[in-house]
Protein backbone atom coordinates (compact mmCIF):
# COMPACT_ATOMS: atom_id res chain seq x y z
CA UNK A 1 79.09 -19.32 29.76
CA UNK A 2 77.58 -20.08 26.77
CA UNK A 3 77.50 -23.88 25.70
CA UNK A 4 76.76 -24.44 21.68
CA UNK A 5 75.77 -28.10 22.56
CA UNK A 6 72.77 -27.49 24.01
CA UNK A 7 69.71 -28.22 22.03
CA UNK A 8 66.04 -26.51 21.45
CA UNK A 9 63.02 -28.37 21.36
CA UNK A 10 61.69 -28.32 17.82
CA UNK A 11 60.16 -25.67 15.65
CA UNK A 12 60.55 -23.16 18.38
CA UNK A 13 61.27 -20.17 16.69
CA UNK A 14 64.60 -17.93 17.85
CA UNK A 15 63.28 -14.58 16.21
CA UNK A 16 61.41 -13.76 19.09
CA UNK A 17 63.65 -12.56 21.61
CA UNK A 18 62.42 -13.72 25.29
CA UNK A 19 62.63 -11.32 28.11
CA UNK A 20 65.31 -10.67 29.78
CA UNK A 21 67.53 -8.67 32.43
CA UNK A 22 71.49 -9.03 32.94
CA UNK A 23 72.59 -10.44 36.23
CA UNK A 24 73.62 -7.26 38.65
CA UNK A 25 77.27 -6.62 39.50
CA UNK A 26 78.76 -8.45 42.13
CA UNK A 27 75.59 -10.78 42.53
CA UNK A 28 76.52 -14.62 43.00
CA UNK A 29 72.92 -15.94 42.68
CA UNK A 30 72.38 -18.40 39.70
CA UNK A 31 68.89 -17.65 39.46
CA UNK A 32 68.06 -13.16 39.87
CA UNK A 33 64.67 -11.60 39.58
CA UNK A 34 63.38 -9.03 37.14
CA UNK A 35 63.57 -5.45 38.74
CA UNK A 36 59.99 -5.29 37.64
CA UNK A 37 58.80 -7.81 39.22
CA UNK A 38 55.88 -9.06 39.83
CA UNK A 39 54.95 -8.70 36.40
CA UNK A 40 51.04 -9.32 36.97
CA UNK A 41 49.79 -7.72 40.19
CA UNK A 42 46.22 -8.14 42.17
CA UNK A 43 43.07 -7.63 40.85
CA UNK A 44 44.26 -7.62 37.32
CA UNK A 45 40.94 -8.36 35.94
CA UNK A 46 37.30 -6.72 37.56
CA UNK A 47 35.97 -10.26 38.52
CA UNK A 48 39.54 -12.13 39.69
CA UNK A 49 41.78 -11.22 42.83
CA UNK A 50 45.17 -12.72 41.09
CA UNK A 51 46.96 -14.52 38.47
CA UNK A 52 49.73 -17.10 39.05
CA UNK A 53 50.66 -19.93 38.27
CA UNK A 54 50.64 -19.91 34.42
CA UNK A 55 52.28 -21.09 31.43
CA UNK A 56 53.51 -18.84 28.09
CA UNK A 57 55.28 -19.77 25.04
CA UNK A 58 56.78 -18.34 22.26
CA UNK A 59 54.02 -18.25 19.24
CA UNK A 60 54.30 -16.25 15.79
CA UNK A 61 55.48 -12.74 16.39
CA UNK A 62 54.69 -12.92 20.27
CA UNK A 63 53.99 -14.95 23.31
CA UNK A 64 50.86 -16.81 24.31
CA UNK A 65 50.09 -18.19 27.45
CA UNK A 66 47.30 -19.98 29.54
CA UNK A 67 47.04 -18.29 33.04
CA UNK A 68 45.55 -19.52 36.40
CA UNK A 69 42.48 -16.80 37.17
CA UNK A 70 41.34 -16.92 40.50
CA UNK A 71 38.37 -15.75 40.99
CA UNK A 72 36.65 -13.37 43.95
CA UNK A 73 34.37 -16.56 44.51
CA UNK A 74 37.87 -18.61 44.97
CA UNK A 75 37.47 -20.75 42.34
CA UNK A 76 40.10 -20.63 39.93
CA UNK A 77 39.81 -21.41 35.83
CA UNK A 78 41.98 -21.30 32.75
CA UNK A 79 42.41 -18.20 30.38
CA UNK A 80 44.40 -17.57 27.24
CA UNK A 81 46.65 -14.45 27.52
CA UNK A 82 48.87 -12.71 24.73
CA UNK A 83 52.49 -10.65 25.00
CA UNK A 84 54.62 -8.59 22.36
CA UNK A 85 57.63 -8.53 24.97
CA UNK A 86 56.66 -11.30 27.35
CA UNK A 87 55.93 -9.03 30.48
CA UNK A 88 53.02 -6.88 29.17
CA UNK A 89 50.04 -9.45 29.46
CA UNK A 90 46.58 -9.13 27.86
CA UNK A 91 44.50 -11.27 29.49
CA UNK A 92 41.41 -12.37 27.48
CA UNK A 93 38.13 -11.98 29.84
CA UNK A 94 36.64 -15.03 29.16
CA UNK A 95 37.57 -18.67 29.97
CA UNK A 96 39.38 -20.69 27.37
CA UNK A 97 36.96 -22.26 24.30
CA UNK A 98 37.15 -25.76 25.45
CA UNK A 99 35.34 -28.32 23.33
CA UNK A 100 35.02 -31.95 23.04
CA UNK A 101 35.94 -34.57 20.25
CA UNK A 102 31.93 -33.59 19.06
CA UNK A 103 32.77 -29.68 19.00
CA UNK A 104 30.62 -29.31 22.45
CA UNK A 105 31.61 -27.16 25.06
CA UNK A 106 33.08 -28.94 28.23
CA UNK A 107 32.22 -27.22 31.32
CA UNK A 108 34.80 -27.07 33.83
CA UNK A 109 34.21 -27.25 37.84
CA UNK A 110 38.08 -25.31 38.51
CA UNK A 111 41.02 -25.30 36.63
CA UNK A 112 44.76 -24.53 37.63
CA UNK A 113 48.70 -24.73 37.29
CA UNK A 114 48.57 -24.94 33.36
CA UNK A 115 51.35 -26.16 31.61
CA UNK A 116 52.06 -25.57 27.89
CA UNK A 117 54.70 -28.03 25.99
CA UNK A 118 54.70 -27.05 21.84
CA UNK A 119 54.29 -30.77 19.72
CA UNK A 120 55.39 -29.56 16.63
CA UNK A 121 53.18 -27.21 15.36
CA UNK A 122 50.38 -27.03 17.87
CA UNK A 123 50.74 -26.76 21.46
CA UNK A 124 49.48 -28.97 24.34
CA UNK A 125 47.81 -27.31 27.12
CA UNK A 126 48.47 -29.97 30.84
CA UNK A 127 46.40 -28.62 33.91
CA UNK A 128 44.62 -29.75 37.65
CA UNK A 129 41.52 -30.33 36.57
CA UNK A 130 37.63 -31.35 38.45
CA UNK A 131 37.28 -35.10 37.79
CA UNK A 132 35.44 -35.71 40.94
CA UNK A 133 38.78 -34.21 43.00
CA UNK A 134 41.89 -33.15 41.04
CA UNK A 135 43.74 -34.83 38.83
CA UNK A 136 45.87 -33.55 35.50
CA UNK A 137 44.02 -33.30 31.73
CA UNK A 138 45.11 -32.26 28.43
CA UNK A 139 43.98 -30.00 25.54
CA UNK A 140 45.35 -29.34 22.39
CA UNK A 141 45.62 -25.95 20.85
CA UNK A 142 46.95 -24.88 17.40
CA UNK A 143 46.01 -20.91 18.48
CA UNK A 144 45.07 -20.06 21.75
CA UNK A 145 41.77 -19.39 20.36
CA UNK A 146 39.83 -23.13 20.43
CA UNK A 147 41.02 -25.66 23.13
CA UNK A 148 40.40 -29.71 22.18
CA UNK A 149 39.57 -31.28 25.65
CA UNK A 150 42.15 -34.39 25.16
CA UNK A 151 40.78 -36.06 28.66
CA UNK A 152 41.93 -36.70 31.99
CA UNK A 153 45.09 -38.45 31.96
CA UNK A 154 44.68 -39.92 35.33
CA UNK A 155 42.18 -40.74 38.25
CA UNK A 156 42.23 -38.41 40.92
CA UNK A 157 44.02 -37.77 42.96
CA UNK A 158 46.89 -35.60 41.03
CA UNK A 159 48.58 -32.50 39.83
CA UNK A 160 51.15 -31.00 38.53
CA UNK A 161 51.13 -32.38 34.86
CA UNK A 162 54.32 -31.43 32.91
CA UNK A 163 54.55 -32.81 29.15
CA UNK A 164 58.20 -33.49 27.37
CA UNK A 165 58.30 -31.74 24.14
CA UNK A 166 59.39 -34.59 22.02
CA UNK A 167 58.47 -38.20 22.08
CA UNK A 168 61.19 -40.42 24.15
CA UNK A 169 61.38 -44.02 22.15
CA UNK A 170 58.21 -43.20 20.51
CA UNK A 171 55.77 -42.37 23.03
CA UNK A 172 54.35 -38.75 24.70
CA UNK A 173 56.24 -38.59 28.36
CA UNK A 174 54.37 -36.56 31.43
CA UNK A 175 55.87 -35.95 34.56
CA UNK A 176 52.79 -35.69 37.37
CA UNK A 177 52.39 -35.61 41.21
CA UNK A 178 49.72 -38.00 42.99
CA UNK A 179 48.43 -36.57 45.76
CA UNK A 180 45.36 -36.57 47.87
CA UNK A 181 42.02 -34.45 48.00
CA UNK A 182 43.19 -31.61 49.98
CA UNK A 183 46.52 -29.47 50.38
CA UNK A 184 48.85 -32.15 50.08
CA UNK A 185 51.19 -32.89 52.70
CA UNK A 186 53.38 -35.42 50.62
CA UNK A 187 54.53 -36.02 47.02
CA UNK A 188 56.71 -37.66 44.57
CA UNK A 189 56.86 -37.13 41.10
CA UNK A 190 56.24 -39.90 38.63
CA UNK A 191 56.38 -40.25 34.84
CA UNK A 192 53.98 -41.75 32.46
CA UNK A 193 53.85 -42.69 28.62
CA UNK A 194 51.45 -42.38 26.02
CA UNK A 195 51.42 -43.42 22.30
CA UNK A 196 47.98 -41.16 21.48
CA UNK A 197 47.75 -38.87 24.61
CA UNK A 198 44.87 -40.67 25.31
CA UNK A 199 45.96 -43.85 27.13
CA UNK A 200 48.51 -43.50 29.89
CA UNK A 201 50.84 -46.22 31.37
CA UNK A 202 54.58 -47.31 31.68
CA UNK A 203 54.42 -45.98 35.32
CA UNK A 204 57.94 -45.04 36.57
CA UNK A 205 58.64 -43.23 40.08
CA UNK A 206 61.46 -40.10 39.17
CA UNK A 207 62.12 -39.04 42.49
CA UNK A 208 61.10 -37.98 45.85
CA UNK A 209 61.48 -35.38 48.49
CA UNK A 210 65.13 -35.25 50.01
CA UNK A 211 67.25 -35.53 53.38
CA UNK A 212 67.79 -31.48 52.36
CA UNK A 213 64.94 -28.71 54.60
CA UNK A 214 64.21 -27.21 51.68
CA UNK A 215 62.42 -29.84 49.58
CA UNK A 216 61.45 -32.04 52.81
CA UNK A 217 58.25 -32.60 52.99
CA UNK A 218 56.84 -32.86 48.86
CA UNK A 219 57.65 -31.75 45.25
CA UNK A 220 56.47 -31.36 42.02
CA UNK A 221 56.70 -30.70 38.18
CA UNK A 222 57.51 -27.01 36.87
CA UNK A 223 58.62 -26.22 33.59
CA UNK A 224 58.39 -27.94 30.59
CA UNK A 225 61.69 -30.21 30.90
CA UNK A 226 64.94 -28.53 28.73
CA UNK A 227 66.54 -30.54 26.30
CA UNK A 228 70.64 -30.35 27.07
CA UNK A 229 74.02 -32.59 26.62
CA UNK A 230 73.90 -33.48 29.51
CA UNK A 231 69.84 -34.32 29.62
CA UNK A 232 67.09 -33.28 30.50
CA UNK A 233 67.17 -29.95 32.85
CA UNK A 234 64.20 -30.50 34.97
CA UNK A 235 62.74 -26.85 36.47
CA UNK A 236 60.49 -28.19 40.08
CA UNK A 237 59.27 -26.66 43.10
CA UNK A 238 60.02 -28.16 46.42
CA UNK A 239 58.76 -27.81 49.94
CA UNK A 240 59.72 -27.29 53.20
CA UNK A 241 57.23 -27.86 56.56
CA UNK A 242 58.21 -25.28 59.15
CA UNK A 243 56.11 -24.02 62.28
CA UNK A 244 54.42 -21.41 60.08
CA UNK A 245 53.64 -23.51 57.08
CA UNK A 246 54.80 -24.51 53.53
CA UNK A 247 57.56 -23.24 52.06
CA UNK A 248 57.83 -23.68 48.50
CA UNK A 249 61.40 -22.93 46.39
CA UNK A 250 62.56 -23.48 43.10
CA UNK A 251 64.89 -26.52 42.07
CA UNK A 252 66.62 -28.58 39.58
CA UNK A 253 67.89 -31.59 38.76
CA UNK A 254 68.86 -33.60 35.17
CA UNK A 255 67.00 -36.67 33.90
CA UNK A 256 68.47 -39.04 31.53
CA UNK A 257 67.92 -38.20 28.28
CA UNK A 258 66.69 -41.51 26.58
CA UNK A 259 65.27 -43.06 30.35
CA UNK A 260 63.75 -39.59 31.96
CA UNK A 261 62.74 -41.60 35.10
CA UNK A 262 66.16 -41.89 35.77
CA UNK A 263 67.82 -38.95 37.58
CA UNK A 264 71.33 -38.22 36.85
CA UNK A 265 72.10 -35.29 39.14
CA UNK A 266 69.82 -33.30 41.57
CA UNK A 267 70.74 -30.35 43.43
CA UNK A 268 70.73 -30.40 47.12
CA UNK A 269 69.52 -26.96 47.63
CA UNK A 270 67.29 -24.54 45.82
CA UNK A 271 67.88 -21.95 42.98
CA UNK A 272 65.72 -19.21 43.99
CA UNK A 273 63.19 -19.20 47.35
CA UNK A 274 60.99 -16.69 48.58
CA UNK A 275 62.44 -13.62 49.79
CA UNK A 276 60.99 -10.68 47.97
CA UNK A 277 58.21 -9.05 49.30
CA UNK A 278 55.54 -10.55 46.89
CA UNK A 279 56.85 -13.80 47.50
CA UNK A 280 56.63 -13.51 51.23
CA UNK A 281 53.45 -11.70 51.32
CA UNK A 282 50.12 -12.48 49.59
CA UNK A 283 47.52 -14.89 49.68
CA UNK A 284 49.69 -17.61 50.47
CA UNK A 285 52.68 -16.64 52.08
CA UNK A 286 56.37 -17.92 51.01
CA UNK A 287 55.72 -19.21 47.26
CA UNK A 288 57.69 -19.51 44.77
CA UNK A 289 55.96 -21.68 41.94
CA UNK A 290 57.59 -22.45 38.02
CA UNK A 291 55.48 -23.06 35.54
CA UNK A 292 56.71 -22.19 32.98
CA UNK A 293 60.90 -21.27 30.85
CA UNK A 294 61.66 -19.61 27.97
CA UNK A 295 64.78 -20.55 26.64
CA UNK A 296 67.34 -18.82 24.14
CA UNK A 297 69.67 -21.63 23.47
CA UNK A 298 71.82 -19.64 21.06
CA UNK A 299 72.72 -17.02 24.15
CA UNK A 300 72.34 -19.96 26.71
CA UNK A 301 69.53 -17.87 28.53
CA UNK A 302 66.33 -19.20 30.85
CA UNK A 303 63.46 -16.73 31.72
CA UNK A 304 61.50 -18.93 34.40
CA UNK A 305 57.71 -17.72 35.14
CA UNK A 306 56.82 -18.38 38.76
CA UNK A 307 53.66 -17.69 40.67
CA UNK A 308 54.67 -15.83 43.93
CA UNK A 309 52.56 -16.29 47.83
CA UNK A 310 49.64 -17.38 45.40
CA UNK A 311 48.73 -13.98 44.30
CA UNK A 312 51.75 -12.17 41.65
CA UNK A 313 53.48 -13.78 38.58
CA UNK A 314 57.19 -12.90 38.45
CA UNK A 315 59.89 -13.90 36.24
CA UNK A 316 63.74 -14.89 37.37
CA UNK A 317 66.19 -15.29 35.08
CA UNK A 318 69.45 -17.52 34.52
CA UNK A 319 72.25 -18.95 32.43
CA UNK A 320 71.37 -22.56 31.32
CA UNK A 321 74.65 -24.38 31.49
CA UNK A 322 75.28 -22.21 35.07
CA UNK A 323 71.83 -24.24 36.33
CA UNK A 324 73.77 -27.23 34.82
CA UNK A 325 76.67 -26.93 36.63
CA UNK A 326 74.96 -25.98 39.87
CA UNK A 327 73.55 -28.85 39.48
CA UNK A 328 76.32 -31.41 39.33
CA UNK A 329 78.15 -29.10 41.76
CA UNK A 330 75.51 -29.55 44.35
CA UNK A 331 74.65 -33.26 43.42
CA UNK A 332 72.80 -35.24 46.25
CA UNK A 333 72.46 -38.44 43.80
CA UNK A 334 75.11 -41.16 44.90
């Protein structure tokens, strides 16, 4: 079960234990839910109806995060948060302090679905930003107190920006999903690269929906890719169109280490789909939307944070080597 060849991104501390629960006896699930789910429920702040689709990382002697907070106006914004154990979170009541290169405050029209990537001793946040329509924006922080705005990576419309944890062939590498202005009825994952996190090019198509029903409508990046001996383990969300609307589930693929636009293997079935009450009932029914993952490579463990029904924040657990084997064993790539 444990695989010593799995590799951790640089400078991530192993001193802080990630959340974990063992798989239930007799269960054959590759991913299983924390029995304390949802870890963040409804009305977490007086002015907010929900927190979900958020990103967390190890930081110092605990955990930090950037959270999607949906206000009762209906608009989403980003708030920082902290936790000692990765389960119980204190979310700041004020929006993140976002400044431009001159130190002036940057006002956002909306902001949602962040991902956070540790790069050396700092952290890069990617989120869906209002730039005459939704697109991917980036910011840098060292302390989760002040964030330096790096700009919008692309023109509208775009979503699901996910930055790799290290440069590949000397370039920063970002997954993203071009879209439209509305509730996108389509979507493929693309990859772009940059020398400086400002100018983006070298655009590549990575993968699109498959003929399998679970992700036949659209797909989008999830947590930061995880470097393993088998390739970049990429957790993503896949969407199925049903007679009652969209159904979001969690899937996985392996990307080539040196050419991450090349898909080595991709599972033809999901790892975890909406079944629990907090996933099937909420502001948007039937949604499991992964945005973050904490890893313990020495113990082969992963804790995946996901949004549930666009209302709650939940966690699922698994063994990294088992997920890799699942992807390879159910590969739909010829």
